[in-house]
PDB file of N, CA and C in Angstrom:
ATOM      1  N   MET A   1      25.436   6.357   8.159  1.00  0.00           N
ATOM      2  CA  MET A   1      25.585   7.983   7.629  1.00  0.00           C
ATOM      3  C   MET A   1      23.942   7.525   7.427  1.00  0.00           C
ATOM      4  N   ILE A   2      22.852   8.515   7.138  1.00  0.00           N
ATOM      5  CA  ILE A   2      21.468   8.552   7.053  1.00  0.00           C
ATOM      6  C   ILE A   2      21.427  10.120   6.184  1.00  0.00           C
ATOM      7  N   THR A   3      20.960   9.873   4.845  1.00  0.00           N
ATOM      8  CA  THR A   3      20.456  11.577   4.553  1.00  0.00           C
ATOM      9  C   THR A   3      18.704  11.221   4.210  1.00  0.00           C
ATOM     10  N   HIS A   4      18.736  11.711   3.720  1.00  0.00           N
ATOM     11  CA  HIS A   4      16.798  12.294   3.850  1.00  0.00           C
ATOM     12  C   HIS A   4      16.925  13.700   2.870  1.00  0.00           C
ATOM     13  N   LYS A   5      15.629  13.219   1.598  1.00  0.00           N
ATOM     14  CA  LYS A   5      15.044  14.300   0.687  1.00  0.00           C
ATOM     15  C   LYS A   5      12.965  13.300   0.609  1.00  0.00           C
ATOM     16  N   ILE A   6      13.002  15.085   0.813  1.00  0.00           N
ATOM     17  CA  ILE A   6      11.148  14.638   1.316  1.00  0.00           C
ATOM     18  C   ILE A   6      10.659  15.342   0.267  1.00  0.00           C
ATOM     19  N   ASP A   7      10.110  14.236  -0.727  1.00  0.00           N
ATOM     20  CA  ASP A   7       9.451  14.822  -2.061  1.00  0.00           C
ATOM     21  C   ASP A   7       7.692  15.302  -2.016  1.00  0.00           C
ATOM     22  N   LYS A   8       7.745  16.398  -1.860  1.00  0.00           N
ATOM     23  CA  LYS A   8       6.065  16.296  -1.216  1.00  0.00           C
ATOM     24  C   LYS A   8       4.656  15.901  -2.699  1.00  0.00           C
ATOM     25  N   LEU A   9       5.666  15.968  -3.996  1.00  0.00           N
ATOM     26  CA  LEU A   9       4.697  15.945  -4.820  1.00  0.00           C
ATOM     27  C   LEU A   9       4.702  14.655  -4.635  1.00  0.00           C
ATOM     28  N   GLN A  10       5.482  13.664  -4.584  1.00  0.00           N
ATOM     29  CA  GLN A  10       5.250  12.250  -4.342  1.00  0.00           C
ATOM     30  C   GLN A  10       4.498  12.221  -3.129  1.00  0.00           C
ATOM     31  N   GLY A  11       4.829  12.476  -1.771  1.00  0.00           N
ATOM     32  CA  GLY A  11       4.029  12.443  -0.378  1.00  0.00           C
ATOM     33  C   GLY A  11       4.897  10.986   0.208  1.00  0.00           C
ATOM     34  N   ILE A  12       6.569  11.289  -0.335  1.00  0.00           N
ATOM     35  CA  ILE A  12       7.394  10.261   0.911  1.00  0.00           C
ATOM     36  C   ILE A  12       8.534  11.266   0.987  1.00  0.00           C
ATOM     37  N   ILE A  13       8.608  10.459   2.157  1.00  0.00           N
ATOM     38  CA  ILE A  13      10.281  10.889   2.611  1.00  0.00           C
ATOM     39  C   ILE A  13      11.263   9.693   2.657  1.00  0.00           C
ATOM     40  N   PHE A  14      12.781  10.296   1.880  1.00  0.00           N
ATOM     41  CA  PHE A  14      13.020   9.068   1.030  1.00  0.00           C
ATOM     42  C   PHE A  14      14.774   9.176   1.876  1.00  0.00           C
ATOM     43  N   ALA A  15      14.638   8.442   2.669  1.00  0.00           N
ATOM     44  CA  ALA A  15      16.237   8.109   3.283  1.00  0.00           C
ATOM     45  C   ALA A  15      17.638   7.005   2.627  1.00  0.00           C
ATOM     46  N   ARG A  16      18.687   7.531   3.033  1.00  0.00           N
ATOM     47  CA  ARG A  16      19.378   6.192   2.615  1.00  0.00           C
ATOM     48  C   ARG A  16      20.604   6.325   3.586  1.00  0.00           C
ATOM     49  N   VAL A  17      20.669   5.010   3.543  1.00  0.00           N
ATOM     50  CA  VAL A  17      21.965   4.296   4.789  1.00  0.00           C
ATOM     51  C   VAL A  17      22.905   3.789   4.292  1.00  0.00           C
ATOM     52  N   SER A  18      23.700   4.848   4.951  1.00  0.00           N
ATOM     53  CA  SER A  18      25.614   4.295   4.767  1.00  0.00           C
ATOM     54  C   SER A  18      26.043   3.797   5.117  1.00  0.00           C
ATOM     55  N   GLY A  19      27.034   3.554   5.457  1.00  0.00           N
ATOM     56  CA  GLY A  19      27.742   3.233   6.557  1.00  0.00           C
ATOM     57  C   GLY A  19      27.406   1.487   8.259  1.00  0.00           C
ATOM     58  N   THR A  20      27.306   2.100   9.031  1.00  0.00           N
ATOM     59  CA  THR A  20      27.473   1.036   9.503  1.00  0.00           C
ATOM     60  C   THR A  20      26.326   2.047  10.697  1.00  0.00           C
ATOM     61  N   PRO A  21      24.900   1.565  10.124  1.00  0.00           N
ATOM     62  CA  PRO A  21      24.115   2.433  11.427  1.00  0.00           C
ATOM     63  C   PRO A  21      23.735   2.777  12.780  1.00  0.00           C
ATOM     64  N   THR A  22      23.959   3.212  14.014  1.00  0.00           N
ATOM     65  CA  THR A  22      23.517   2.843  15.511  1.00  0.00           C
ATOM     66  C   THR A  22      22.075   3.218  15.437  1.00  0.00           C
ATOM     67  N   THR A  23      22.814   2.939  16.505  1.00  0.00           N
ATOM     68  CA  THR A  23      20.554   3.546  17.291  1.00  0.00           C
ATOM     69  C   THR A  23      21.121   5.222  17.335  1.00  0.00           C
ATOM     70  N   ILE A  24      22.068   5.667  18.660  1.00  0.00           N
ATOM     71  CA  ILE A  24      21.445   6.832  18.727  1.00  0.00           C
ATOM     72  C   ILE A  24      21.651   7.886  17.199  1.00  0.00           C
ATOM     73  N   LEU A  25      22.360   7.133  16.224  1.00  0.00           N
ATOM     74  CA  LEU A  25      22.367   7.294  14.357  1.00  0.00           C
ATOM     75  C   LEU A  25      20.803   7.705  14.170  1.00  0.00           C
ATOM     76  N   MET A  26      20.530   6.468  14.342  1.00  0.00           N
ATOM     77  CA  MET A  26      18.921   6.733  13.669  1.00  0.00           C
ATOM     78  C   MET A  26      18.110   7.621  14.174  1.00  0.00           C
ATOM     79  N   MET A  27      18.109   7.852  15.976  1.00  0.00           N
ATOM     80  CA  MET A  27      17.421   8.796  16.638  1.00  0.00           C
ATOM     81  C   MET A  27      17.057   9.932  16.335  1.00  0.00           C
ATOM     82  N   ASP A  28      19.044  10.314  16.035  1.00  0.00           N
ATOM     83  CA  ASP A  28      18.411  11.853  15.450  1.00  0.00           C
ATOM     84  C   ASP A  28      18.716  11.566  14.281  1.00  0.00           C
ATOM     85  N   HIS A  29      18.319  11.052  13.425  1.00  0.00           N
ATOM     86  CA  HIS A  29      18.186  11.453  11.888  1.00  0.00           C
ATOM     87  C   HIS A  29      16.446  11.775  12.084  1.00  0.00           C
ATOM     88  N   ILE A  30      15.573   9.908  12.921  1.00  0.00           N
ATOM     89  CA  ILE A  30      14.475  10.165  12.731  1.00  0.00           C
ATOM     90  C   ILE A  30      14.289  11.943  13.295  1.00  0.00           C
ATOM     91  N   GLN A  31      14.749  12.747  14.653  1.00  0.00           N
ATOM     92  CA  GLN A  31      14.384  14.524  14.815  1.00  0.00           C
ATOM     93  C   GLN A  31      14.880  15.275  13.566  1.00  0.00           C
ATOM     94  N   THR A  32      15.869  14.467  13.162  1.00  0.00           N
ATOM     95  CA  THR A  32      15.872  15.367  11.840  1.00  0.00           C
ATOM     96  C   THR A  32      15.034  15.664  11.230  1.00  0.00           C
ATOM     97  N   VAL A  33      14.748  14.673  10.286  1.00  0.00           N
ATOM     98  CA  VAL A  33      13.162  14.479   9.495  1.00  0.00           C
ATOM     99  C   VAL A  33      11.987  14.751  10.021  1.00  0.00           C
ATOM    100  N   LEU A  34      12.076  15.335  11.659  1.00  0.00           N
ATOM    101  CA  LEU A  34      10.517  15.760  12.023  1.00  0.00           C
ATOM    102  C   LEU A  34      10.914  17.453  12.057  1.00  0.00           C
ATOM    103  N   ASN A  35      12.379  18.065  12.124  1.00  0.00           N
ATOM    104  CA  ASN A  35      12.749  18.947  11.778  1.00  0.00           C
ATOM    105  C   ASN A  35      13.040  19.457  10.749  1.00  0.00           C
ATOM    106  N   ASP A  36      13.118  19.370  10.490  1.00  0.00           N
ATOM    107  CA  ASP A  36      12.770  19.260   8.565  1.00  0.00           C
ATOM    108  C   ASP A  36      11.400  20.544   8.292  1.00  0.00           C
ATOM    109  N   PRO A  37      11.140  22.192   7.141  1.00  0.00           N
ATOM    110  CA  PRO A  37      10.174  22.536   7.364  1.00  0.00           C
ATOM    111  C   PRO A  37       9.891  21.705   6.436  1.00  0.00           C
ATOM    112  N   ASP A  38      10.271  20.754   5.217  1.00  0.00           N
ATOM    113  CA  ASP A  38       9.099  20.094   3.704  1.00  0.00           C
ATOM    114  C   ASP A  38       8.458  18.609   5.160  1.00  0.00           C
ATOM    115  N   PHE A  39       9.133  18.428   6.324  1.00  0.00           N
ATOM    116  CA  PHE A  39       8.192  17.403   6.801  1.00  0.00           C
ATOM    117  C   PHE A  39       6.534  17.791   6.960  1.00  0.00           C
ATOM    118  N   ASP A  40       6.083  16.359   6.557  1.00  0.00           N
ATOM    119  CA  ASP A  40       4.683  16.524   6.948  1.00  0.00           C
ATOM    120  C   ASP A  40       4.569  15.230   7.405  1.00  0.00           C
ATOM    121  N   PRO A  41       2.966  15.050   8.354  1.00  0.00           N
ATOM    122  CA  PRO A  41       3.183  13.679   8.961  1.00  0.00           C
ATOM    123  C   PRO A  41       1.975  12.236   8.228  1.00  0.00           C
ATOM    124  N   LYS A  42       2.046  13.419   6.815  1.00  0.00           N
ATOM    125  CA  LYS A  42       1.231  12.010   6.130  1.00  0.00           C
ATOM    126  C   LYS A  42       1.825  11.216   5.495  1.00  0.00           C
ATOM    127  N   TYR A  43       3.061  11.726   5.198  1.00  0.00           N
ATOM    128  CA  TYR A  43       3.846  11.645   4.438  1.00  0.00           C
ATOM    129  C   TYR A  43       4.618   9.376   4.526  1.00  0.00           C
ATOM    130  N   ASN A  44       4.410   8.948   4.062  1.00  0.00           N
ATOM    131  CA  ASN A  44       4.770   7.773   4.195  1.00  0.00           C
ATOM    132  C   ASN A  44       6.739   7.581   3.829  1.00  0.00           C
ATOM    133  N   SER A  45       7.325   6.924   4.299  1.00  0.00           N
ATOM    134  CA  SER A  45       8.406   6.703   4.069  1.00  0.00           C
ATOM    135  C   SER A  45       9.445   5.233   3.063  1.00  0.00           C
ATOM    136  N   ILE A  46      10.335   5.078   2.855  1.00  0.00           N
ATOM    137  CA  ILE A  46      11.182   4.839   1.499  1.00  0.00           C
ATOM    138  C   ILE A  46      12.369   4.843   2.159  1.00  0.00           C
ATOM    139  N   ILE A  47      13.207   3.851   2.904  1.00  0.00           N
ATOM    140  CA  ILE A  47      14.260   3.657   3.892  1.00  0.00           C
ATOM    141  C   ILE A  47      15.396   3.122   3.151  1.00  0.00           C
ATOM    142  N   ILE A  48      16.371   3.687   2.186  1.00  0.00           N
ATOM    143  CA  ILE A  48      16.964   2.614   1.400  1.00  0.00           C
ATOM    144  C   ILE A  48      18.103   2.387   2.115  1.00  0.00           C
ATOM    145  N   PHE A  49      18.794   1.071   1.788  1.00  0.00           N
ATOM    146  CA  PHE A  49      20.100   0.568   2.670  1.00  0.00           C
ATOM    147  C   PHE A  49      21.008   0.547   1.067  1.00  0.00           C
ATOM    148  N   GLU A  50      21.711   1.383   1.361  1.00  0.00           N
ATOM    149  CA  GLU A  50      23.032   0.622   0.072  1.00  0.00           C
ATOM    150  C   GLU A  50      23.377  -0.144  -0.034  1.00  0.00           C
ATOM    151  N   LYS A  51      24.266  -0.794  -1.359  1.00  0.00           N
ATOM    152  CA  LYS A  51      24.861  -2.395  -0.731  1.00  0.00           C
ATOM    153  C   LYS A  51      25.803  -2.500   0.401  1.00  0.00           C
ATOM    154  N   ASN A  52      26.476  -1.551   0.208  1.00  0.00           N
ATOM    155  CA  ASN A  52      27.917  -2.252   1.450  1.00  0.00           C
ATOM    156  C   ASN A  52      27.448  -1.599   3.051  1.00  0.00           C
ATOM    157  N   THR A  53      26.594  -1.116   3.123  1.00  0.00           N
ATOM    158  CA  THR A  53      26.015  -0.878   4.493  1.00  0.00           C
ATOM    159  C   THR A  53      26.096  -2.400   5.870  1.00  0.00           C
ATOM    160  N   ARG A  54      26.404  -1.632   6.292  1.00  0.00           N
ATOM    161  CA  ARG A  54      26.518  -3.483   7.670  1.00  0.00           C
ATOM    162  C   ARG A  54      25.137  -2.656   8.402  1.00  0.00           C
ATOM    163  N   ILE A  55      24.483  -4.083   8.935  1.00  0.00           N
ATOM    164  CA  ILE A  55      23.344  -3.260   9.621  1.00  0.00           C
ATOM    165  C   ILE A  55      24.041  -4.682  10.805  1.00  0.00           C
ATOM    166  N   ALA A  56      23.976  -4.088  12.373  1.00  0.00           N
ATOM    167  CA  ALA A  56      23.779  -4.998  12.988  1.00  0.00           C
ATOM    168  C   ALA A  56      23.000  -5.080  14.126  1.00  0.00           C
ATOM    169  N   GLY A  57      22.958  -6.455  14.715  1.00  0.00           N
ATOM    170  CA  GLY A  57      21.821  -6.935  15.643  1.00  0.00           C
ATOM    171  C   GLY A  57      21.769  -5.698  16.497  1.00  0.00           C
ATOM    172  N   VAL A  58      20.143  -5.177  16.740  1.00  0.00           N
ATOM    173  CA  VAL A  58      19.962  -4.227  17.775  1.00  0.00           C
ATOM    174  C   VAL A  58      20.777  -4.671  18.973  1.00  0.00           C
ATOM    175  N   PRO A  59      21.137  -4.495  20.020  1.00  0.00           N
ATOM    176  CA  PRO A  59      21.675  -4.712  21.304  1.00  0.00           C
ATOM    177  C   PRO A  59      20.359  -4.721  22.017  1.00  0.00           C
ATOM    178  N   LYS A  60      20.695  -5.602  23.131  1.00  0.00           N
ATOM    179  CA  LYS A  60      19.518  -5.961  23.704  1.00  0.00           C
ATOM    180  C   LYS A  60      19.007  -4.800  24.697  1.00  0.00           C
ATOM    181  N   ASP A  61      19.996  -4.372  25.076  1.00  0.00           N
ATOM    182  CA  ASP A  61      19.393  -2.926  26.242  1.00  0.00           C
ATOM    183  C   ASP A  61      19.199  -1.920  25.883  1.00  0.00           C
ATOM    184  N   GLU A  62      19.460  -2.351  23.980  1.00  0.00           N
ATOM    185  CA  GLU A  62      18.205  -0.539  23.229  1.00  0.00           C
ATOM    186  C   GLU A  62      17.484  -1.231  22.147  1.00  0.00           C
ATOM    187  N   ILE A  63      16.925  -2.707  23.231  1.00  0.00           N
ATOM    188  CA  ILE A  63      15.298  -2.969  21.713  1.00  0.00           C
ATOM    189  C   ILE A  63      14.660  -2.069  22.097  1.00  0.00           C
ATOM    190  N   GLU A  64      14.204  -1.813  23.790  1.00  0.00           N
ATOM    191  CA  GLU A  64      12.874  -0.856  24.326  1.00  0.00           C
ATOM    192  C   GLU A  64      12.920   0.287  24.014  1.00  0.00           C
ATOM    193  N   THR A  65      14.616   0.861  23.663  1.00  0.00           N
ATOM    194  CA  THR A  65      14.271   2.620  24.252  1.00  0.00           C
ATOM    195  C   THR A  65      14.077   3.248  22.248  1.00  0.00           C
ATOM    196  N   ILE A  66      14.436   2.106  21.321  1.00  0.00           N
ATOM    197  CA  ILE A  66      14.717   1.605  19.752  1.00  0.00           C
ATOM    198  C   ILE A  66      12.816   2.440  19.990  1.00  0.00           C
ATOM    199  N   ARG A  67      11.670   0.650  20.565  1.00  0.00           N
ATOM    200  CA  ARG A  67      10.286   0.145  20.427  1.00  0.00           C
ATOM    201  C   ARG A  67       9.611   1.684  21.125  1.00  0.00           C
ATOM    202  N   ARG A  68       9.766   2.638  21.775  1.00  0.00           N
ATOM    203  CA  ARG A  68       9.400   3.693  22.003  1.00  0.00           C
ATOM    204  C   ARG A  68       9.883   4.914  21.439  1.00  0.00           C
ATOM    205  N   VAL A  69      10.533   5.154  20.922  1.00  0.00           N
ATOM    206  CA  VAL A  69      11.368   6.045  19.493  1.00  0.00           C
ATOM    207  C   VAL A  69      10.507   6.838  18.159  1.00  0.00           C
ATOM    208  N   LEU A  70      10.301   4.744  18.164  1.00  0.00           N
ATOM    209  CA  LEU A  70       9.617   4.876  16.628  1.00  0.00           C
ATOM    210  C   LEU A  70       8.068   5.169  17.414  1.00  0.00           C
ATOM    211  N   ASP A  71       7.359   4.173  17.675  1.00  0.00           N
ATOM    212  CA  ASP A  71       6.122   4.556  18.663  1.00  0.00           C
ATOM    213  C   ASP A  71       6.336   5.859  18.798  1.00  0.00           C
ATOM    214  N   GLY A  72       6.763   6.947  19.660  1.00  0.00           N
ATOM    215  CA  GLY A  72       6.484   8.538  19.517  1.00  0.00           C
ATOM    216  C   GLY A  72       6.423   8.337  17.993  1.00  0.00           C
ATOM    217  N   TYR A  73       7.657   8.782  17.347  1.00  0.00           N
ATOM    218  CA  TYR A  73       7.332   8.881  16.151  1.00  0.00           C
ATOM    219  C   TYR A  73       5.975   8.436  15.140  1.00  0.00           C
ATOM    220  N   ALA A  74       5.402   7.143  15.923  1.00  0.00           N
ATOM    221  CA  ALA A  74       4.322   6.729  14.668  1.00  0.00           C
ATOM    222  C   ALA A  74       3.225   7.854  15.305  1.00  0.00           C
ATOM    223  N   GLN A  75       3.107   8.103  16.591  1.00  0.00           N
ATOM    224  CA  GLN A  75       1.944   8.545  17.142  1.00  0.00           C
ATOM    225  C   GLN A  75       2.374  10.336  16.579  1.00  0.00           C
ATOM    226  N   GLN A  76       2.766  10.903  15.916  1.00  0.00           N
ATOM    227  CA  GLN A  76       2.919  12.002  15.184  1.00  0.00           C
ATOM    228  C   GLN A  76       2.498  12.749  13.591  1.00  0.00           C
ATOM    229  N   ARG A  77       2.781  11.174  13.308  1.00  0.00           N
ATOM    230  CA  ARG A  77       2.170  10.998  12.089  1.00  0.00           C
ATOM    231  C   ARG A  77       0.958  10.204  11.904  1.00  0.00           C
ATOM    232  N   THR A  78       0.430  10.552  10.289  1.00  0.00           N
ATOM    233  CA  THR A  78      -0.850   9.358   9.734  1.00  0.00           C
ATOM    234  C   THR A  78      -0.508   8.312   8.840  1.00  0.00           C
ATOM    235  N   GLY A  79       0.967   8.695   7.812  1.00  0.00           N
ATOM    236  CA  GLY A  79       1.365   8.552   7.406  1.00  0.00           C
ATOM    237  C   GLY A  79       2.282   7.311   7.982  1.00  0.00           C
ATOM    238  N   ARG A  80       2.220   6.146   7.873  1.00  0.00           N
ATOM    239  CA  ARG A  80       3.089   4.907   9.336  1.00  0.00           C
ATOM    240  C   ARG A  80       3.344   3.633   7.571  1.00  0.00           C
ATOM    241  N   ASN A  81       3.398   3.871   6.665  1.00  0.00           N
ATOM    242  CA  ASN A  81       4.366   2.661   6.124  1.00  0.00           C
ATOM    243  C   ASN A  81       5.275   3.612   5.992  1.00  0.00           C
ATOM    244  N   TRP A  82       6.127   2.564   5.934  1.00  0.00           N
ATOM    245  CA  TRP A  82       7.441   1.834   5.468  1.00  0.00           C
ATOM    246  C   TRP A  82       8.071   1.263   4.869  1.00  0.00           C
ATOM    247  N   ALA A  83       8.747   1.662   3.651  1.00  0.00           N
ATOM    248  CA  ALA A  83       9.399   0.453   2.843  1.00  0.00           C
ATOM    249  C   ALA A  83      10.900   0.315   3.226  1.00  0.00           C
ATOM    250  N   VAL A  84      11.407  -0.472   2.714  1.00  0.00           N
ATOM    251  CA  VAL A  84      12.883  -0.777   3.396  1.00  0.00           C
ATOM    252  C   VAL A  84      13.196  -1.437   2.147  1.00  0.00           C
ATOM    253  N   VAL A  85      14.494  -0.531   1.543  1.00  0.00           N
ATOM    254  CA  VAL A  85      15.579  -1.345   0.602  1.00  0.00           C
ATOM    255  C   VAL A  85      16.417  -2.549   1.395  1.00  0.00           C
ATOM    256  N   ALA A  86      16.379  -3.659   0.585  1.00  0.00           N
ATOM    257  CA  ALA A  86      17.389  -4.222   1.702  1.00  0.00           C
ATOM    258  C   ALA A  86      17.879  -4.807   0.416  1.00  0.00           C
ATOM    259  N   PRO A  87      19.373  -3.899  -0.237  1.00  0.00           N
ATOM    260  CA  PRO A  87      19.560  -4.601  -1.728  1.00  0.00           C
ATOM    261  C   PRO A  87      20.343  -6.090  -1.561  1.00  0.00           C
ATOM    262  N   ASN A  88      20.768  -6.617  -0.544  1.00  0.00           N
ATOM    263  CA  ASN A  88      21.499  -7.962  -0.451  1.00  0.00           C
ATOM    264  C   ASN A  88      20.339  -9.065   0.427  1.00  0.00           C
ATOM    265  N   GLU A  89      20.607 -10.091   0.060  1.00  0.00           N
ATOM    266  CA  GLU A  89      19.865 -11.020   1.636  1.00  0.00           C
ATOM    267  C   GLU A  89      20.521 -11.164   2.699  1.00  0.00           C
ATOM    268  N   ARG A  90      21.516 -10.778   2.630  1.00  0.00           N
ATOM    269  CA  ARG A  90      22.450  -9.870   4.511  1.00  0.00           C
ATOM    270  C   ARG A  90      21.813  -9.391   5.343  1.00  0.00           C
ATOM    271  N   GLN A  91      21.887  -7.751   4.645  1.00  0.00           N
ATOM    272  CA  GLN A  91      20.854  -7.033   5.432  1.00  0.00           C
ATOM    273  C   GLN A  91      19.348  -7.545   5.163  1.00  0.00           C
ATOM    274  N   GLU A  92      18.826  -7.546   4.199  1.00  0.00           N
ATOM    275  CA  GLU A  92      17.538  -8.254   4.786  1.00  0.00           C
ATOM    276  C   GLU A  92      16.951  -8.639   5.603  1.00  0.00           C
ATOM    277  N   ALA A  93      18.399  -9.879   5.418  1.00  0.00           N
ATOM    278  CA  ALA A  93      17.625 -11.290   7.325  1.00  0.00           C
ATOM    279  C   ALA A  93      18.396 -10.039   8.290  1.00  0.00           C
ATOM    280  N   PHE A  94      18.801  -9.594   8.929  1.00  0.00           N
ATOM    281  CA  PHE A  94      19.414  -8.756   9.356  1.00  0.00           C
ATOM    282  C   PHE A  94      18.257  -7.627   9.915  1.00  0.00           C
ATOM    283  N   LEU A  95      17.743  -7.603   8.716  1.00  0.00           N
ATOM    284  CA  LEU A  95      16.452  -6.741   8.739  1.00  0.00           C
ATOM    285  C   LEU A  95      15.900  -6.913   9.594  1.00  0.00           C
ATOM    286  N   LYS A  96      15.462  -8.373   9.381  1.00  0.00           N
ATOM    287  CA  LYS A  96      13.281  -8.631   9.459  1.00  0.00           C
ATOM    288  C   LYS A  96      14.183  -9.458  11.028  1.00  0.00           C
ATOM    289  N   LEU A  97      15.673  -9.738  11.100  1.00  0.00           N
ATOM    290  CA  LEU A  97      15.275 -10.466  12.991  1.00  0.00           C
ATOM    291  C   LEU A  97      15.384  -8.776  13.542  1.00  0.00           C
ATOM    292  N   ASN A  98      15.886  -7.803  13.490  1.00  0.00           N
ATOM    293  CA  ASN A  98      16.055  -7.265  13.844  1.00  0.00           C
ATOM    294  C   ASN A  98      14.319  -6.331  14.467  1.00  0.00           C
ATOM    295  N   LEU A  99      13.474  -6.015  12.732  1.00  0.00           N
ATOM    296  CA  LEU A  99      11.884  -6.028  12.926  1.00  0.00           C
ATOM    297  C   LEU A  99      11.344  -6.936  14.567  1.00  0.00           C
ATOM    298  N   GLU A 100      11.771  -8.187  13.925  1.00  0.00           N
ATOM    299  CA  GLU A 100      11.670  -8.819  14.449  1.00  0.00           C
ATOM    300  C   GLU A 100      11.461  -8.869  16.472  1.00  0.00           C
ATOM    301  N   LEU A 101      12.971  -8.206  16.867  1.00  0.00           N
ATOM    302  CA  LEU A 101      13.386  -7.888  18.075  1.00  0.00           C
ATOM    303  C   LEU A 101      11.944  -6.483  18.661  1.00  0.00           C
ATOM    304  N   ILE A 102      11.991  -5.321  18.451  1.00  0.00           N
ATOM    305  CA  ILE A 102      11.871  -4.739  18.321  1.00  0.00           C
ATOM    306  C   ILE A 102       9.822  -4.419  18.168  1.00  0.00           C
ATOM    307  N   SER A 103       9.866  -5.431  17.329  1.00  0.00           N
ATOM    308  CA  SER A 103       8.329  -5.573  17.743  1.00  0.00           C
ATOM    309  C   SER A 103       7.464  -5.560  18.868  1.00  0.00           C
ATOM    310  N   PRO A 104       6.064  -4.578  19.291  1.00  0.00           N
ATOM    311  CA  PRO A 104       5.726  -4.407  17.722  1.00  0.00           C
ATOM    312  C   PRO A 104       5.877  -3.257  18.072  1.00  0.00           C
ATOM    313  N   VAL A 105       5.820  -2.222  16.724  1.00  0.00           N
ATOM    314  CA  VAL A 105       5.805  -1.204  16.955  1.00  0.00           C
ATOM    315  C   VAL A 105       4.646  -0.931  15.923  1.00  0.00           C
ATOM    316  N   LYS A 106       4.644   0.602  16.222  1.00  0.00           N
ATOM    317  CA  LYS A 106       3.194   1.311  15.092  1.00  0.00           C
ATOM    318  C   LYS A 106       3.423   1.976  13.875  1.00  0.00           C
ATOM    319  N   PHE A 107       3.989   0.750  13.522  1.00  0.00           N
ATOM    320  CA  PHE A 107       4.482   1.058  11.476  1.00  0.00           C
ATOM    321  C   PHE A 107       3.727  -0.283  10.584  1.00  0.00           C
ATOM    322  N   ASN A 108       3.215   0.269   9.379  1.00  0.00           N
ATOM    323  CA  ASN A 108       3.579  -1.549   8.324  1.00  0.00           C
ATOM    324  C   ASN A 108       4.779  -0.909   7.996  1.00  0.00           C
ATOM    325  N   ILE A 109       5.458  -1.703   8.276  1.00  0.00           N
ATOM    326  CA  ILE A 109       6.825  -1.700   7.639  1.00  0.00           C
ATOM    327  C   ILE A 109       7.039  -2.893   7.126  1.00  0.00           C
ATOM    328  N   ARG A 110       7.575  -2.713   5.436  1.00  0.00           N
ATOM    329  CA  ARG A 110       7.635  -4.146   4.113  1.00  0.00           C
ATOM    330  C   ARG A 110       9.146  -4.118   4.043  1.00  0.00           C
ATOM    331  N   ILE A 111       9.986  -4.922   3.360  1.00  0.00           N
ATOM    332  CA  ILE A 111      10.961  -5.103   3.027  1.00  0.00           C
ATOM    333  C   ILE A 111      10.896  -5.534   1.909  1.00  0.00           C
ATOM    334  N   PHE A 112      12.047  -4.479   1.050  1.00  0.00           N
ATOM    335  CA  PHE A 112      12.030  -5.100  -0.337  1.00  0.00           C
ATOM    336  C   PHE A 112      13.333  -5.017  -0.645  1.00  0.00           C
ATOM    337  N   ARG A 113      13.911  -5.914  -2.057  1.00  0.00           N
ATOM    338  CA  ARG A 113      15.199  -5.697  -2.828  1.00  0.00           C
ATOM    339  C   ARG A 113      15.291  -4.893  -2.982  1.00  0.00           C
ATOM    340  N   ASN A 114      14.612  -4.052  -4.092  1.00  0.00           N
ATOM    341  CA  ASN A 114      14.577  -2.922  -4.818  1.00  0.00           C
ATOM    342  C   ASN A 114      13.633  -1.489  -4.864  1.00  0.00           C
ATOM    343  N   GLU A 115      14.093  -0.307  -5.418  1.00  0.00           N
ATOM    344  CA  GLU A 115      13.017   0.679  -4.516  1.00  0.00           C
ATOM    345  C   GLU A 115      11.977   0.345  -5.830  1.00  0.00           C
ATOM    346  N   GLU A 116      12.234   0.061  -6.657  1.00  0.00           N
ATOM    347  CA  GLU A 116      11.127   0.171  -7.972  1.00  0.00           C
ATOM    348  C   GLU A 116       9.912  -0.580  -7.189  1.00  0.00           C
ATOM    349  N   ASP A 117      10.095  -2.406  -6.069  1.00  0.00           N
ATOM    350  CA  ASP A 117       9.053  -2.294  -4.887  1.00  0.00           C
ATOM    351  C   ASP A 117       8.474  -1.333  -4.663  1.00  0.00           C
ATOM    352  N   ALA A 118       9.526  -0.869  -3.986  1.00  0.00           N
ATOM    353  CA  ALA A 118       9.556  -0.868  -2.199  1.00  0.00           C
ATOM    354  C   ALA A 118       8.444   0.883  -3.307  1.00  0.00           C
ATOM    355  N   LEU A 119       8.362   1.492  -3.918  1.00  0.00           N
ATOM    356  CA  LEU A 119       7.464   2.987  -4.507  1.00  0.00           C
ATOM    357  C   LEU A 119       6.405   1.980  -5.081  1.00  0.00           C
ATOM    358  N   ASN A 120       6.397   1.261  -5.443  1.00  0.00           N
ATOM    359  CA  ASN A 120       5.064   0.839  -6.368  1.00  0.00           C
ATOM    360  C   ASN A 120       3.616   0.677  -4.509  1.00  0.00           C
ATOM    361  N   TRP A 121       4.864   0.306  -4.111  1.00  0.00           N
ATOM    362  CA  TRP A 121       4.478  -0.359  -2.580  1.00  0.00           C
ATOM    363  C   TRP A 121       3.564   0.537  -1.737  1.00  0.00           C
ATOM    364  N   ILE A 122       4.621   2.219  -2.108  1.00  0.00           N
ATOM    365  CA  ILE A 122       4.223   2.841  -0.759  1.00  0.00           C
ATOM    366  C   ILE A 122       3.153   3.570  -1.889  1.00  0.00           C
ATOM    367  N   LYS A 123       2.654   3.904  -3.472  1.00  0.00           N
ATOM    368  CA  LYS A 123       1.736   4.139  -3.898  1.00  0.00           C
ATOM    369  C   LYS A 123       0.908   2.970  -4.573  1.00  0.00           C
ATOM    370  N   GLY A 124       0.840   2.708  -3.962  1.00  0.00           N
ATOM    371  CA  GLY A 124      -0.321   1.594  -4.092  1.00  0.00           C
ATOM    372  C   GLY A 124      -1.404   1.409  -2.602  1.00  0.00           C
ATOM    373  N   ARG A 125      -0.352   2.653  -1.496  1.00  0.00           N
ATOM    374  CA  ARG A 125      -1.493   2.384  -0.818  1.00  0.00           C
ATOM    375  C   ARG A 125      -1.892   3.664  -0.587  1.00  0.00           C
TER     376      ARG A 125
END
């Protein structure tokens, strides 16, 4: 499950991920964010994985699809900074592996272990 909240005062899209996100779920969520009346392409994003979220490897046959979706999303935005919060080492390792698989994408993505560090990085941009 992925939920989001747009903080217009800070100019940040906060997304929370739980369960076992799939490629389809992620693409549906991106469309939901784009359709949100508060969406602004200048906003950066913080994506928070809950502690029990299971992150699977990106299936080989979906890598190019994910890359195209993310690049299309990036082209609609000027805010291309994503801070990703992975609260445990296993999540962080799988996220880094997945990011290597889908590279290159036109986002500046950094992985953090807590929300505070992620927020500080986004605000410092």
